[in-house]
Amino acid sequence: MQSSKPHIAARVRDAREWKEISQVAMAKRLDIARQTYLDLESGKTEPRVTTLMKIAEITGRPLTWFIDEEKIPHSVEQHDQSQHLVELFSKVPEPLRSKLIAHHIGLVSCYIEHLYSVK
């Protein structure tokens, strides 16, 4: 996993816009100055981990989504991996499976949205 200021800044902006939150409202929710927030979105400064965690919580995006720059591979191998994942999930006891699915649904939604926005 790699990280860079421009990438993180773009993801912070994308997540905020996806949730239709203004920059001013986001700064208030994070309890930081508006200019400090603008600096995060412009890439002038990199957010602290705690701030990034709050942004992830507010926007419903997984923390790794803000940091990970890797593209999703499009191949038959990906389909095989998906099938394997389904098989693994079917072996997890139901209460835990529901929690795992709920926890990761934001990540899957982000990836799907990204795939459609790239085309």
Protein backbone atom coordinates (compact mmCIF):
# COMPACT_ATOMS: atom_id res chain seq x y z
CA MET A 1 0.00 0.00 0.00
CA GLN A 2 1.35 3.38 -0.96
CA SER A 3 0.25 6.80 0.14
CA SER A 4 0.69 10.26 -1.23
CA LYS A 5 -0.68 13.66 -0.33
CA PRO A 6 -2.44 14.28 -3.66
CA HIS A 7 -4.07 10.85 -3.61
CA ILE A 8 -5.29 11.15 -0.03
CA ALA A 9 -6.48 14.71 -0.62
CA ALA A 10 -8.48 13.59 -3.68
CA ARG A 11 -10.02 10.72 -1.74
CA VAL A 12 -10.96 13.02 1.15
CA ARG A 13 -12.68 15.37 -1.31
CA ASP A 14 -14.37 12.48 -3.17
CA ALA A 15 -15.69 10.98 0.07
CA ARG A 16 -17.04 14.33 1.28
CA GLU A 17 -18.72 15.03 -2.05
CA TRP A 18 -20.14 11.49 -2.17
CA LYS A 19 -21.86 12.15 1.17
CA GLU A 20 -22.91 15.61 -0.07
CA ILE A 21 -21.28 17.40 2.86
CA SER A 22 -19.97 20.94 2.39
CA GLN A 23 -16.38 21.77 3.27
CA VAL A 24 -17.60 24.02 6.08
CA ALA A 25 -19.85 21.29 7.50
CA MET A 26 -17.04 18.73 7.30
CA ALA A 27 -14.65 21.04 9.12
CA LYS A 28 -17.26 21.55 11.86
CA ARG A 29 -17.89 17.82 12.18
CA LEU A 30 -14.14 17.23 12.47
CA ASP A 31 -13.84 20.12 14.95
CA ILE A 32 -11.09 21.78 12.93
CA ALA A 33 -10.76 25.18 11.29
CA ARG A 34 -12.20 25.52 7.78
CA GLN A 35 -8.78 26.50 6.42
CA THR A 36 -7.21 23.43 8.00
CA TYR A 37 -9.77 21.28 6.24
CA LEU A 38 -9.20 23.10 2.93
CA ASP A 39 -5.48 22.38 3.30
CA LEU A 40 -6.28 18.66 3.67
CA GLU A 41 -8.41 18.60 0.52
CA SER A 42 -5.87 20.58 -1.49
CA GLY A 43 -3.01 18.29 -0.47
CA LYS A 44 -1.14 21.13 1.19
CA THR A 45 -1.11 19.09 4.40
CA GLU A 46 -1.69 15.42 5.10
CA PRO A 47 -4.33 14.55 7.68
CA ARG A 48 -3.43 12.98 10.98
CA VAL A 49 -4.47 9.36 11.25
CA THR A 50 -7.12 10.27 13.83
CA THR A 51 -8.57 12.90 11.49
CA LEU A 52 -8.58 10.45 8.59
CA MET A 53 -10.34 7.90 10.80
CA LYS A 54 -13.03 10.49 11.62
CA ILE A 55 -13.44 11.33 7.92
CA ALA A 56 -13.81 7.62 7.16
CA GLU A 57 -16.45 7.29 9.87
CA ILE A 58 -18.38 10.38 8.74
CA THR A 59 -18.34 9.41 5.07
CA GLY A 60 -18.80 5.67 5.50
CA ARG A 61 -15.65 4.92 3.54
CA PRO A 62 -13.15 2.33 4.80
CA LEU A 63 -9.92 3.84 6.10
CA THR A 64 -7.87 1.81 3.61
CA TRP A 65 -9.79 3.40 0.71
CA PHE A 66 -8.20 6.77 1.50
CA ILE A 67 -4.68 5.36 1.48
CA ASP A 68 -4.66 2.54 -1.08
CA GLU A 69 -3.72 3.65 -4.59
CA GLU A 70 -3.84 0.22 -6.18
CA LYS A 71 -6.29 -0.36 -9.00
CA ILE A 72 -8.66 -3.29 -8.97
CA PRO A 73 -7.55 -5.97 -11.43
CA HIS A 74 -10.05 -6.92 -14.15
CA SER A 75 -9.52 -10.53 -15.08
CA VAL A 76 -10.81 -14.07 -14.90
CA GLU A 77 -8.58 -14.48 -11.87
CA GLN A 78 -10.65 -11.80 -10.10
CA HIS A 79 -13.81 -13.83 -10.76
CA ASP A 80 -12.14 -16.92 -9.29
CA GLN A 81 -11.14 -14.90 -6.23
CA SER A 82 -14.72 -13.68 -5.84
CA GLN A 83 -16.01 -17.24 -5.96
CA HIS A 84 -13.43 -18.26 -3.37
CA LEU A 85 -14.53 -15.39 -1.14
CA VAL A 86 -18.17 -16.48 -1.37
CA GLU A 87 -17.17 -20.01 -0.43
CA LEU A 88 -15.18 -18.76 2.56
CA PHE A 89 -18.04 -16.55 3.75
CA SER A 90 -20.43 -19.51 3.57
CA LYS A 91 -18.24 -21.32 6.12
CA VAL A 92 -18.31 -18.47 8.66
CA PRO A 93 -21.00 -18.82 11.36
CA GLU A 94 -24.03 -16.60 10.67
CA PRO A 95 -23.73 -13.94 13.41
CA LEU A 96 -20.11 -13.25 12.48
CA ARG A 97 -20.82 -13.44 8.74
CA SER A 98 -23.44 -10.68 9.02
CA LYS A 99 -21.02 -8.50 10.96
CA LEU A 100 -18.24 -9.06 8.44
CA ILE A 101 -20.52 -8.29 5.52
CA ALA A 102 -21.86 -5.13 7.17
CA HIS A 103 -18.33 -4.01 7.99
CA HIS A 104 -17.06 -4.43 4.45
CA ILE A 105 -20.07 -3.29 2.47
CA GLY A 106 -18.70 0.26 2.42
CA LEU A 107 -15.49 -0.95 0.83
CA VAL A 108 -17.30 -2.95 -1.82
CA SER A 109 -19.57 0.03 -2.57
CA CYS A 110 -16.53 2.27 -3.00
CA TYR A 111 -14.90 -0.12 -5.43
CA ILE A 112 -18.06 -0.57 -7.47
CA GLU A 113 -18.61 3.19 -7.61
CA HIS A 114 -14.99 3.63 -8.66
CA LEU A 115 -15.33 1.07 -11.44
CA TYR A 116 -18.36 2.85 -12.89
CA SER A 117 -16.73 6.28 -12.61
CA VAL A 118 -13.61 5.13 -14.51
CA LYS A 119 -15.53 3.90 -17.59
